């Protein structure tokens, strides 16, 4: 069990200094976002509000952006740029240079109330933004340099809700997926990411659309429909696999880069693996029914690692767990001590580096500053970085190599009426890396060479050595050059 003293010691060791700074205040309509297994509810309140003051103190290489009066809703990271979607007030998409200063390269403002959903390819220069246009749900595609859309699509006006996580971009930048819903109807459309041409449509009248995830080449989509996970062939919109989770509402099911590993969370966590014909359950992890895995689970791009942060409501504790997919083994379990009078430390997002060695989580926080809202661990669940935001964390994203993490959220705790928010980026000390040391034994030798050959021949995405989303001769020669150079 990790105490707060240990957490703060690790934070100091990793160089994260956190303090209270300037205040943000609003006098407009405040909102209170309530997240439950049944969904997200926004409650307005016409009273003056004073958000808790404070901004993080950042190390060199990090930056901070004030989203006030809007609330930071979702974030995404591309090869060189970071994106944030702001909702509730001043709805907009903001684009930043990841290694920049936190000044937007451009912004796209929405014309009406928007859920604020953004997704980006980590291997190509494509970002998709889900918002509202004259009351209709809309998705637009952009690149990193201009606020002029590559294309735009407006959903049928009968579909009135575009969930913030119902947008995704494939790693290779070929496919954009976006969805909208109305009571009893869910529609997901798959687009050519460059032209906006519709590839196919998936429609279902069961469940409630919450999130979408894509495989690297965009050929498979994981669609979260309440407690009903669906894997879809994006070329024709047909079901590849369907299952049932535990618990419904605010869920975010995930898929690996090659599409072979999926994680289904709720009141338990199930991991499935493709056997060439269907997905077979390989991990079935159940806990007391008061623990919720619905929105804090990640699957690494290489399919090696599943990590999840869950909240145990009976004890007000957070649990962090890591599984090795190949051996079906629970590697580590960390319990964060409960905080008296805690204010729902609910997980709100998760991401991981490509190889699953760096794991990032966002939570609402406890409202007292004991547990920072953005937490970053290595695969052994050593806390290596954290960001203490003045309010609640709503989403998190991490670069492919795990060296940068970005979080966003609200300027006050989610259980407190208020507005304003932040987008905060920090560097992560991932330690020395040696890419050609594929087996991680600290030596570049023939074992690594033959391992690469096996991965390359099998089409394993770990052989995508140049991280362009395609396994080809470029990866072979890139590995040879790195192998010859050694470390």
Protein backbone atom coordinates (compact mmCIF):
# COMPACT_ATOMS: atom_id res chain seq x y z
CA UNK A 1 0.00 0.00 0.00
CA UNK A 2 1.52 3.34 -1.05
CA UNK A 3 1.17 6.21 1.38
CA UNK A 4 1.06 9.87 0.47
CA UNK A 5 4.52 10.38 1.92
CA UNK A 6 5.94 7.89 -0.57
CA UNK A 7 4.06 9.54 -3.41
CA UNK A 8 5.44 12.95 -2.57
CA UNK A 9 8.94 11.56 -2.22
CA UNK A 10 8.76 10.03 -5.65
CA UNK A 11 7.40 13.25 -7.08
CA UNK A 12 10.33 15.17 -5.63
CA UNK A 13 12.79 12.60 -6.97
CA UNK A 14 11.36 12.89 -10.46
CA UNK A 15 11.63 16.67 -10.40
CA UNK A 16 7.97 17.59 -10.21
CA UNK A 17 7.58 20.72 -8.12
CA UNK A 18 3.99 21.79 -7.61
CA UNK A 19 2.67 25.01 -6.16
CA UNK A 20 -0.28 27.40 -6.09
CA UNK A 21 -0.24 30.43 -8.36
CA UNK A 22 -2.66 32.80 -10.09
CA UNK A 23 -6.42 32.52 -9.72
CA UNK A 24 -9.12 32.08 -12.30
CA UNK A 25 -12.66 33.28 -11.58
CA UNK A 26 -15.87 33.41 -13.55
CA UNK A 27 -19.26 35.00 -13.02
CA UNK A 28 -21.13 33.16 -15.77
CA UNK A 29 -23.24 30.03 -15.71
CA UNK A 30 -21.30 27.31 -13.92
CA UNK A 31 -21.65 23.64 -14.61
CA UNK A 32 -21.20 20.49 -12.62
CA UNK A 33 -20.24 17.38 -14.58
CA UNK A 34 -21.34 14.17 -12.84
CA UNK A 35 -19.80 10.96 -14.18
CA UNK A 36 -21.53 7.71 -13.23
CA UNK A 37 -21.71 4.21 -14.71
CA UNK A 38 -24.99 5.34 -16.26
CA UNK A 39 -23.44 8.24 -18.16
CA UNK A 40 -22.29 11.86 -17.89
CA UNK A 41 -24.71 14.48 -16.61
CA UNK A 42 -24.14 18.24 -16.77
CA UNK A 43 -25.98 20.38 -14.23
CA UNK A 44 -26.07 24.18 -14.75
CA UNK A 45 -26.21 26.63 -11.88
CA UNK A 46 -26.59 30.41 -12.17
CA UNK A 47 -24.41 31.51 -9.27
CA UNK A 48 -21.09 33.35 -9.01
CA UNK A 49 -18.22 30.92 -8.66
CA UNK A 50 -14.65 31.20 -7.49
CA UNK A 51 -12.54 28.32 -8.83
CA UNK A 52 -9.71 27.18 -6.60
CA UNK A 53 -6.61 29.17 -7.60
CA UNK A 54 -3.43 27.47 -8.71
CA UNK A 55 -1.33 26.30 -11.61
CA UNK A 56 1.45 23.73 -11.72
CA UNK A 57 5.08 24.77 -11.58
CA UNK A 58 6.68 23.15 -14.62
CA UNK A 59 10.17 21.92 -15.32
CA UNK A 60 12.07 22.88 -18.46
CA UNK A 61 10.34 21.36 -21.45
CA UNK A 62 6.81 21.56 -20.06
CA UNK A 63 4.10 24.11 -20.59
CA UNK A 64 0.70 25.19 -19.33
CA UNK A 65 -2.34 26.59 -21.17
CA UNK A 66 -5.32 28.18 -19.43
CA UNK A 67 -8.58 27.14 -21.11
CA UNK A 68 -10.76 29.56 -19.09
CA UNK A 69 -13.63 30.04 -19.19
CA UNK A 70 -13.83 26.68 -20.96
CA UNK A 71 -13.14 23.32 -19.35
CA UNK A 72 -10.46 21.10 -20.86
CA UNK A 73 -12.28 17.99 -22.03
CA UNK A 74 -10.01 15.72 -24.11
CA UNK A 75 -6.41 15.70 -25.35
CA UNK A 76 -4.45 13.87 -28.06
CA UNK A 77 -0.82 13.71 -29.21
CA UNK A 78 0.49 13.44 -32.76
CA UNK A 79 4.07 12.97 -33.97
CA UNK A 80 5.06 16.55 -33.14
CA UNK A 81 1.92 18.34 -31.97
CA UNK A 82 -0.48 18.18 -29.05
CA UNK A 83 -4.20 18.92 -29.27
CA UNK A 84 -6.80 19.87 -26.70
CA UNK A 85 -10.57 20.07 -27.03
CA UNK A 86 -12.32 22.54 -24.73
CA UNK A 87 -16.00 22.27 -23.86
CA UNK A 88 -18.71 23.88 -21.70
CA UNK A 89 -17.60 27.48 -22.37
CA UNK A 90 -15.57 28.88 -25.30
CA UNK A 91 -15.76 25.55 -27.14
CA UNK A 92 -12.70 25.07 -29.32
CA UNK A 93 -9.87 22.90 -30.59
CA UNK A 94 -6.37 24.15 -29.73
CA UNK A 95 -3.21 22.89 -31.46
CA UNK A 96 0.25 23.21 -29.87
CA UNK A 97 3.81 22.26 -30.70
CA UNK A 98 4.57 19.50 -28.23
CA UNK A 99 8.06 20.84 -27.61
CA UNK A 100 6.85 24.43 -27.79
CA UNK A 101 5.80 27.00 -25.19
CA UNK A 102 2.09 26.33 -24.81
CA UNK A 103 1.02 29.06 -27.21
CA UNK A 104 -1.52 27.65 -29.69
CA UNK A 105 -0.36 27.21 -33.26
CA UNK A 106 -4.02 27.64 -34.18
CA UNK A 107 -7.48 27.29 -32.71
CA UNK A 108 -10.83 26.21 -34.17
CA UNK A 109 -13.88 27.62 -32.41
CA UNK A 110 -17.16 25.76 -32.34
CA UNK A 111 -20.39 27.58 -33.09
CA UNK A 112 -22.58 25.98 -30.43
CA UNK A 113 -22.47 23.71 -27.41
CA UNK A 114 -19.94 20.96 -28.03
CA UNK A 115 -18.82 17.81 -26.30
CA UNK A 116 -15.26 18.64 -27.31
CA UNK A 117 -13.72 15.43 -28.66
CA UNK A 118 -10.26 15.27 -30.26
CA UNK A 119 -8.17 12.38 -31.59
CA UNK A 120 -4.85 12.35 -33.44
CA UNK A 121 -2.65 9.88 -35.24
CA UNK A 122 0.65 9.21 -33.44
CA UNK A 123 2.27 8.23 -36.73
CA UNK A 124 0.87 10.75 -39.24
CA UNK A 125 -0.12 14.40 -39.39
CA UNK A 126 -3.90 14.00 -39.00
CA UNK A 127 -6.17 15.21 -36.20
CA UNK A 128 -9.95 14.87 -35.97
CA UNK A 129 -12.27 17.13 -33.97
CA UNK A 130 -15.83 16.22 -32.99
CA UNK A 131 -18.01 19.22 -32.13
CA UNK A 132 -21.39 20.78 -32.92
CA UNK A 133 -22.35 23.05 -35.82
CA UNK A 134 -25.67 24.92 -35.62
CA UNK A 135 -26.87 22.27 -33.21
CA UNK A 136 -25.74 19.32 -35.36
CA UNK A 137 -22.91 16.89 -34.55
CA UNK A 138 -19.92 17.48 -36.82
CA UNK A 139 -16.49 15.94 -37.37
CA UNK A 140 -13.61 17.76 -39.08
CA UNK A 141 -10.09 16.71 -40.02
CA UNK A 142 -7.04 18.98 -39.83
CA UNK A 143 -3.27 18.80 -39.99
CA UNK A 144 -0.85 20.40 -37.53
CA UNK A 145 -0.29 23.67 -39.36
CA UNK A 146 -3.67 25.13 -40.29
CA UNK A 147 -7.13 25.68 -38.87
CA UNK A 148 -8.58 25.14 -42.34
CA UNK A 149 -10.20 21.70 -42.35
CA UNK A 150 -9.09 19.04 -44.78
CA UNK A 151 -12.76 18.05 -44.83
CA UNK A 152 -15.89 18.26 -42.71
CA UNK A 153 -18.94 16.05 -42.19
CA UNK A 154 -22.22 16.89 -40.46
CA UNK A 155 -24.21 13.97 -39.08
CA UNK A 156 -27.91 13.48 -39.66
CA UNK A 157 -29.66 16.13 -37.50
CA UNK A 158 -31.68 13.42 -35.75
CA UNK A 159 -28.41 12.35 -34.07
CA UNK A 160 -27.97 14.93 -31.34
CA UNK A 161 -25.10 13.63 -29.16
CA UNK A 162 -21.46 13.29 -30.19
CA UNK A 163 -19.68 11.74 -27.16
CA UNK A 164 -16.24 13.26 -26.60
CA UNK A 165 -14.49 9.90 -26.93
CA UNK A 166 -16.44 8.82 -30.01
CA UNK A 167 -13.70 9.93 -32.41
CA UNK A 168 -10.47 8.17 -33.41
CA UNK A 169 -7.69 8.35 -36.00
CA UNK A 170 -5.67 5.33 -37.10
CA UNK A 171 -1.95 5.28 -36.41
CA UNK A 172 -1.07 5.33 -40.10
CA UNK A 173 -3.34 8.33 -40.71
CA UNK A 174 -5.58 6.53 -43.20
CA UNK A 175 -8.89 6.30 -41.32
CA UNK A 176 -10.98 8.61 -39.15
CA UNK A 177 -13.85 7.14 -37.15
CA UNK A 178 -16.53 9.31 -35.57
CA UNK A 179 -19.91 8.62 -34.08
CA UNK A 180 -23.12 10.25 -32.93
CA UNK A 181 -26.22 9.01 -31.19
CA UNK A 182 -29.74 9.68 -30.08
CA UNK A 183 -31.85 7.60 -27.75
CA UNK A 184 -32.03 4.11 -29.22
CA UNK A 185 -29.77 4.73 -32.22
CA UNK A 186 -25.97 4.76 -32.63
CA UNK A 187 -24.14 5.59 -35.86
CA UNK A 188 -20.38 5.33 -36.47
CA UNK A 189 -18.96 6.46 -39.82
CA UNK A 190 -15.50 5.52 -41.10
CA UNK A 191 -13.84 8.11 -43.35
CA UNK A 192 -10.81 8.31 -45.58
CA UNK A 193 -8.70 10.56 -43.36
CA UNK A 194 -7.27 12.60 -46.23
CA UNK A 195 -10.35 13.15 -48.38
CA UNK A 196 -13.31 12.65 -46.04
CA UNK A 197 -14.83 10.07 -48.38
CA UNK A 198 -17.03 7.69 -46.42
CA UNK A 199 -15.63 4.16 -46.33
CA UNK A 200 -18.48 2.50 -44.44
CA UNK A 201 -21.09 2.98 -41.71
CA UNK A 202 -21.83 0.93 -38.62
CA UNK A 203 -25.25 1.33 -37.04
CA UNK A 204 -26.71 -0.34 -33.97
CA UNK A 205 -29.84 0.21 -31.92
CA UNK A 206 -28.60 -1.53 -28.77
CA UNK A 207 -26.55 0.25 -26.09
CA UNK A 208 -25.33 3.83 -25.97
CA UNK A 209 -22.26 4.97 -27.92
CA UNK A 210 -19.47 6.14 -25.60
CA UNK A 211 -16.08 5.65 -27.30
CA UNK A 212 -14.20 4.44 -30.39
CA UNK A 213 -10.67 3.08 -30.77
CA UNK A 214 -8.87 2.01 -33.98
CA UNK A 215 -6.14 -0.45 -34.90
CA UNK A 216 -2.97 1.00 -36.45
CA UNK A 217 -4.09 0.54 -40.05
CA UNK A 218 -7.69 1.50 -39.32
CA UNK A 219 -9.01 -1.88 -40.46
CA UNK A 220 -10.64 -2.66 -37.10
CA UNK A 221 -12.58 -0.44 -34.76
CA UNK A 222 -13.46 -1.09 -31.13
CA UNK A 223 -16.84 0.53 -30.51
CA UNK A 224 -18.07 1.00 -26.93
CA UNK A 225 -21.86 0.78 -26.71
CA UNK A 226 -22.86 0.90 -23.07
CA UNK A 227 -21.75 -2.50 -21.80
CA UNK A 228 -21.64 -3.94 -25.31
CA UNK A 229 -18.17 -4.04 -26.92
CA UNK A 230 -18.21 -4.36 -30.70
CA UNK A 231 -15.24 -4.93 -33.03
CA UNK A 232 -16.09 -3.71 -36.52
CA UNK A 233 -14.51 -4.23 -39.93
CA UNK A 234 -14.15 -0.64 -41.11
CA UNK A 235 -13.98 -1.61 -44.79
CA UNK A 236 -17.64 -2.67 -44.81
CA UNK A 237 -19.10 -1.70 -41.40
CA UNK A 238 -19.76 -5.34 -40.52
CA UNK A 239 -19.35 -6.90 -37.08
CA UNK A 240 -16.24 -9.00 -36.54
CA UNK A 241 -17.01 -9.75 -32.90
CA UNK A 242 -19.50 -8.75 -30.22
CA UNK A 243 -19.46 -9.25 -26.47
CA UNK A 244 -20.98 -8.07 -23.23
CA UNK A 245 -19.21 -6.18 -20.49
CA UNK A 246 -20.13 -5.68 -16.86
CA UNK A 247 -21.84 -2.39 -16.08
CA UNK A 248 -22.93 0.19 -18.62
CA UNK A 249 -22.63 3.85 -19.47
CA UNK A 250 -19.30 5.64 -19.27
CA UNK A 251 -16.98 2.98 -20.71
CA UNK A 252 -13.95 3.15 -22.99
CA UNK A 253 -12.93 -0.24 -24.42
CA UNK A 254 -9.47 -0.41 -26.05
CA UNK A 255 -7.71 -2.25 -28.89
CA UNK A 256 -4.03 -2.93 -29.67
CA UNK A 257 -2.19 -1.64 -32.72
CA UNK A 258 -2.56 -4.87 -34.68
CA UNK A 259 -6.15 -5.28 -33.52
CA UNK A 260 -5.47 -8.64 -31.88
CA UNK A 261 -5.85 -7.64 -28.21
CA UNK A 262 -8.87 -5.90 -26.71
CA UNK A 263 -9.74 -4.89 -23.15
CA UNK A 264 -13.31 -4.64 -21.87
CA UNK A 265 -13.78 -2.87 -18.55
CA UNK A 266 -16.69 -2.25 -16.21
CA UNK A 267 -17.23 -3.83 -12.82
CA UNK A 268 -14.60 -6.36 -13.93
CA UNK A 269 -11.84 -6.42 -16.53
CA UNK A 270 -11.79 -8.89 -19.43
CA UNK A 271 -8.98 -9.19 -21.98
CA UNK A 272 -9.50 -10.98 -25.29
CA UNK A 273 -7.05 -12.12 -27.96
CA UNK A 274 -7.68 -12.88 -31.64
CA UNK A 275 -7.04 -16.54 -32.53
CA UNK A 276 -7.42 -16.10 -36.27
CA UNK A 277 -11.16 -16.67 -36.20
CA UNK A 278 -12.58 -14.83 -33.19
CA UNK A 279 -11.62 -13.12 -29.94
CA UNK A 280 -11.05 -15.54 -27.06
CA UNK A 281 -11.04 -14.41 -23.45
CA UNK A 282 -7.58 -14.82 -21.93
CA UNK A 283 -7.93 -12.72 -18.75
CA UNK A 284 -10.99 -12.57 -16.52
CA UNK A 285 -10.35 -10.32 -13.56
CA UNK A 286 -13.18 -9.76 -11.10
CA UNK A 287 -13.28 -7.74 -7.90
CA UNK A 288 -16.01 -6.69 -5.46
CA UNK A 289 -18.87 -5.08 -7.42
CA UNK A 290 -17.99 -1.66 -6.06
CA UNK A 291 -14.81 -1.37 -8.19
CA UNK A 292 -15.08 0.32 -11.60
CA UNK A 293 -12.68 -0.27 -14.53
CA UNK A 294 -14.78 1.52 -17.12
CA UNK A 295 -12.66 4.53 -18.02
CA UNK A 296 -9.06 4.01 -16.90
CA UNK A 297 -7.74 1.11 -19.02
CA UNK A 298 -5.10 1.04 -21.75
CA UNK A 299 -3.77 -1.57 -24.17
CA UNK A 300 -0.24 -0.95 -25.43
CA UNK A 301 0.23 -0.61 -29.15
CA UNK A 302 2.31 -3.80 -29.32
CA UNK A 303 -0.37 -5.73 -27.41
CA UNK A 304 2.05 -6.78 -24.68
CA UNK A 305 0.54 -4.86 -21.79
CA UNK A 306 -2.87 -4.08 -20.34
CA UNK A 307 -2.95 -1.53 -17.53
CA UNK A 308 -5.93 -0.27 -15.56
CA UNK A 309 -6.63 2.22 -12.80
CA UNK A 310 -9.89 1.54 -10.99
CA UNK A 311 -11.73 3.11 -8.08
CA UNK A 312 -13.06 1.09 -5.19
CA UNK A 313 -16.04 3.14 -4.03
CA UNK A 314 -16.53 1.21 -0.79
CA UNK A 315 -13.08 2.15 0.50
CA UNK A 316 -12.32 5.28 -1.59
CA UNK A 317 -9.08 3.72 -2.83
CA UNK A 318 -7.49 3.75 -6.26
CA UNK A 319 -6.06 0.49 -7.58
CA UNK A 320 -3.45 0.33 -10.34
CA UNK A 321 -2.78 -3.00 -12.04
CA UNK A 322 -0.60 -4.22 -14.91
CA UNK A 323 -1.02 -7.48 -16.83
CA UNK A 324 1.40 -9.20 -19.19
CA UNK A 325 -0.73 -10.37 -22.09
CA UNK A 326 1.58 -13.12 -23.37
CA UNK A 327 1.64 -14.95 -20.02
CA UNK A 328 -1.86 -13.82 -18.91
CA UNK A 329 -0.21 -12.71 -15.66
CA UNK A 330 -1.08 -9.92 -13.25
CA UNK A 331 2.39 -8.44 -12.85
CA UNK A 332 1.77 -5.72 -10.30
CA UNK A 333 -0.99 -4.25 -8.16
CA UNK A 334 -0.63 -0.94 -6.33
CA UNK A 335 -3.22 0.34 -3.82
CA UNK A 336 -3.29 4.05 -3.10
CA UNK A 337 -4.33 4.77 0.48
CA UNK A 338 -7.85 6.14 0.97
CA UNK A 339 -8.23 9.82 1.79
CA UNK A 340 -10.74 10.72 4.54
CA UNK A 341 -13.56 12.76 3.04
CA UNK A 342 -12.38 11.95 -0.46
CA UNK A 343 -14.28 13.50 -3.34
CA UNK A 344 -14.48 10.69 -5.86
CA UNK A 345 -11.01 9.96 -7.17
CA UNK A 346 -12.59 8.55 -10.31
CA UNK A 347 -10.29 7.51 -13.19
CA UNK A 348 -11.04 9.54 -16.31
CA UNK A 349 -8.51 8.38 -18.88
CA UNK A 350 -5.50 6.17 -19.60
CA UNK A 351 -2.77 5.87 -22.22
CA UNK A 352 0.52 4.04 -22.61
CA UNK A 353 3.73 4.16 -24.60
CA UNK A 354 3.88 1.88 -27.62
CA UNK A 355 5.72 -0.87 -25.75
CA UNK A 356 3.69 -0.57 -22.55
CA UNK A 357 6.65 0.46 -20.41
CA UNK A 358 5.23 3.89 -19.54
CA UNK A 359 1.62 4.15 -18.29
CA UNK A 360 -0.37 7.37 -17.78
CA UNK A 361 -3.66 7.90 -15.94
CA UNK A 362 -5.98 10.84 -15.31
CA UNK A 363 -8.37 11.04 -12.36
CA UNK A 364 -10.76 13.50 -10.84
CA UNK A 365 -8.42 13.74 -7.87
CA UNK A 366 -9.52 13.79 -4.26
CA UNK A 367 -10.16 17.53 -3.95
CA UNK A 368 -7.46 17.91 -1.28
CA UNK A 369 -4.27 17.67 -3.33
CA UNK A 370 -3.13 14.39 -1.80
CA UNK A 371 -3.24 12.50 -5.09
CA UNK A 372 -2.19 14.46 -8.20
CA UNK A 373 -4.68 14.17 -11.03
CA UNK A 374 -2.16 12.99 -13.68
CA UNK A 375 -0.01 10.02 -12.65
CA UNK A 376 2.67 8.27 -14.71
CA UNK A 377 4.13 4.86 -13.87
CA UNK A 378 6.60 2.45 -15.39
CA UNK A 379 5.56 -1.15 -16.07
CA UNK A 380 6.72 -2.16 -12.57
CA UNK A 381 4.32 0.47 -11.16
CA UNK A 382 7.04 2.78 -9.94
CA UNK A 383 5.62 6.30 -9.91
CA UNK A 384 7.91 8.29 -12.21
CA UNK A 385 5.97 11.52 -12.82
CA UNK A 386 2.80 13.32 -11.81
CA UNK A 387 1.00 16.60 -12.39
CA UNK A 388 -1.01 18.11 -9.57
CA UNK A 389 -3.74 20.19 -11.21
CA UNK A 390 -5.82 22.65 -9.17
CA UNK A 391 -9.04 20.84 -10.08
CA UNK A 392 -9.92 17.54 -11.73
CA UNK A 393 -8.25 15.66 -14.55
CA UNK A 394 -10.56 14.76 -17.44
CA UNK A 395 -8.19 13.13 -19.94
CA UNK A 396 -4.55 12.17 -20.55
CA UNK A 397 -2.35 11.29 -23.53
CA UNK A 398 1.27 10.22 -23.88
CA UNK A 399 3.77 10.17 -26.75
CA UNK A 400 4.70 6.92 -28.48
CA UNK A 401 7.98 6.69 -26.55
CA UNK A 402 6.46 7.88 -23.26
CA UNK A 403 8.69 10.94 -22.99
CA UNK A 404 5.87 13.51 -22.92
CA UNK A 405 2.54 13.42 -21.11
CA UNK A 406 -0.36 15.87 -21.42
CA UNK A 407 -3.39 16.17 -19.19
CA UNK A 408 -6.46 18.35 -19.21
CA UNK A 409 -9.37 19.05 -16.94
CA UNK A 410 -11.37 21.47 -14.88
CA UNK A 411 -10.10 24.35 -12.72
CA UNK A 412 -12.02 23.02 -9.71
CA UNK A 413 -12.90 19.54 -8.63
CA UNK A 414 -15.55 17.86 -10.74
CA UNK A 415 -17.87 17.77 -7.71
CA UNK A 416 -17.63 21.55 -7.29
CA UNK A 417 -19.61 24.10 -9.30
CA UNK A 418 -17.19 26.12 -11.40
CA UNK A 419 -15.61 26.65 -14.78
CA UNK A 420 -12.18 27.18 -16.30
CA UNK A 421 -9.55 24.56 -16.89
CA UNK A 422 -6.08 23.66 -18.06
CA UNK A 423 -4.03 21.79 -20.60
CA UNK A 424 -0.69 20.83 -19.02
CA UNK A 425 2.24 19.11 -20.70
CA UNK A 426 5.29 17.70 -18.95
CA UNK A 427 8.39 15.72 -19.79
CA UNK A 428 8.79 12.22 -18.38
CA UNK A 429 12.14 10.76 -17.38
CA UNK A 430 11.92 7.44 -19.19
CA UNK A 431 15.56 6.59 -18.49
CA UNK A 432 18.12 5.43 -21.04
CA UNK A 433 16.69 3.69 -24.07
CA UNK A 434 18.31 1.49 -26.68
CA UNK A 435 15.89 0.75 -29.54
CA UNK A 436 17.85 -2.13 -31.14
CA UNK A 437 17.97 -3.96 -27.77
CA UNK A 438 14.65 -5.57 -28.58
CA UNK A 439 14.71 -8.18 -25.84
CA UNK A 440 15.67 -5.62 -23.19
CA UNK A 441 18.62 -7.56 -21.77
CA UNK A 442 20.95 -4.54 -21.92
CA UNK A 443 23.03 -5.94 -24.79
CA UNK A 444 22.70 -5.48 -28.55
CA UNK A 445 23.60 -8.87 -29.99
CA UNK A 446 22.51 -11.68 -32.28
CA UNK A 447 19.51 -12.43 -30.06
CA UNK A 448 18.08 -9.00 -30.91
CA UNK A 449 18.82 -9.47 -34.60
CA UNK A 450 17.03 -12.80 -34.84
CA UNK A 451 14.15 -11.51 -32.69
CA UNK A 452 13.67 -8.67 -35.15
CA UNK A 453 13.68 -11.11 -38.07
CA UNK A 454 10.96 -13.19 -36.40
CA UNK A 455 8.84 -10.13 -35.64
CA UNK A 456 9.34 -8.80 -39.17
CA UNK A 457 8.35 -12.12 -40.78
CA UNK A 458 5.28 -12.41 -38.52
CA UNK A 459 4.11 -8.88 -39.30
CA UNK A 460 4.32 -8.03 -35.60
CA UNK A 461 3.98 -4.26 -35.10
CA UNK A 462 7.05 -4.32 -32.85
CA UNK A 463 8.95 -4.63 -36.14
CA UNK A 464 7.61 -1.21 -37.21
CA UNK A 465 11.00 0.21 -36.27
CA UNK A 466 10.46 3.67 -37.78
CA UNK A 467 6.97 3.99 -36.26
CA UNK A 468 5.22 4.89 -39.50
CA UNK A 469 2.42 2.36 -39.02
CA UNK A 470 3.67 0.05 -41.81
CA UNK A 471 6.08 -2.89 -41.67
CA UNK A 472 8.28 -2.74 -44.77
CA UNK A 473 11.87 -2.57 -46.02
CA UNK A 474 12.33 0.84 -44.40
CA UNK A 475 11.94 -0.80 -40.99
CA UNK A 476 14.46 -3.51 -41.89
CA UNK A 477 17.13 -1.02 -42.92
CA UNK A 478 16.35 1.29 -39.99
CA UNK A 479 16.91 -1.63 -37.62
CA UNK A 480 20.14 -2.63 -39.39
CA UNK A 481 21.51 0.89 -39.03
CA UNK A 482 20.57 1.04 -35.34
CA UNK A 483 21.93 -2.47 -34.75
CA UNK A 484 25.27 -1.54 -36.35
CA UNK A 485 25.49 1.64 -34.28
CA UNK A 486 24.72 -0.19 -31.03
CA UNK A 487 24.05 1.76 -27.84
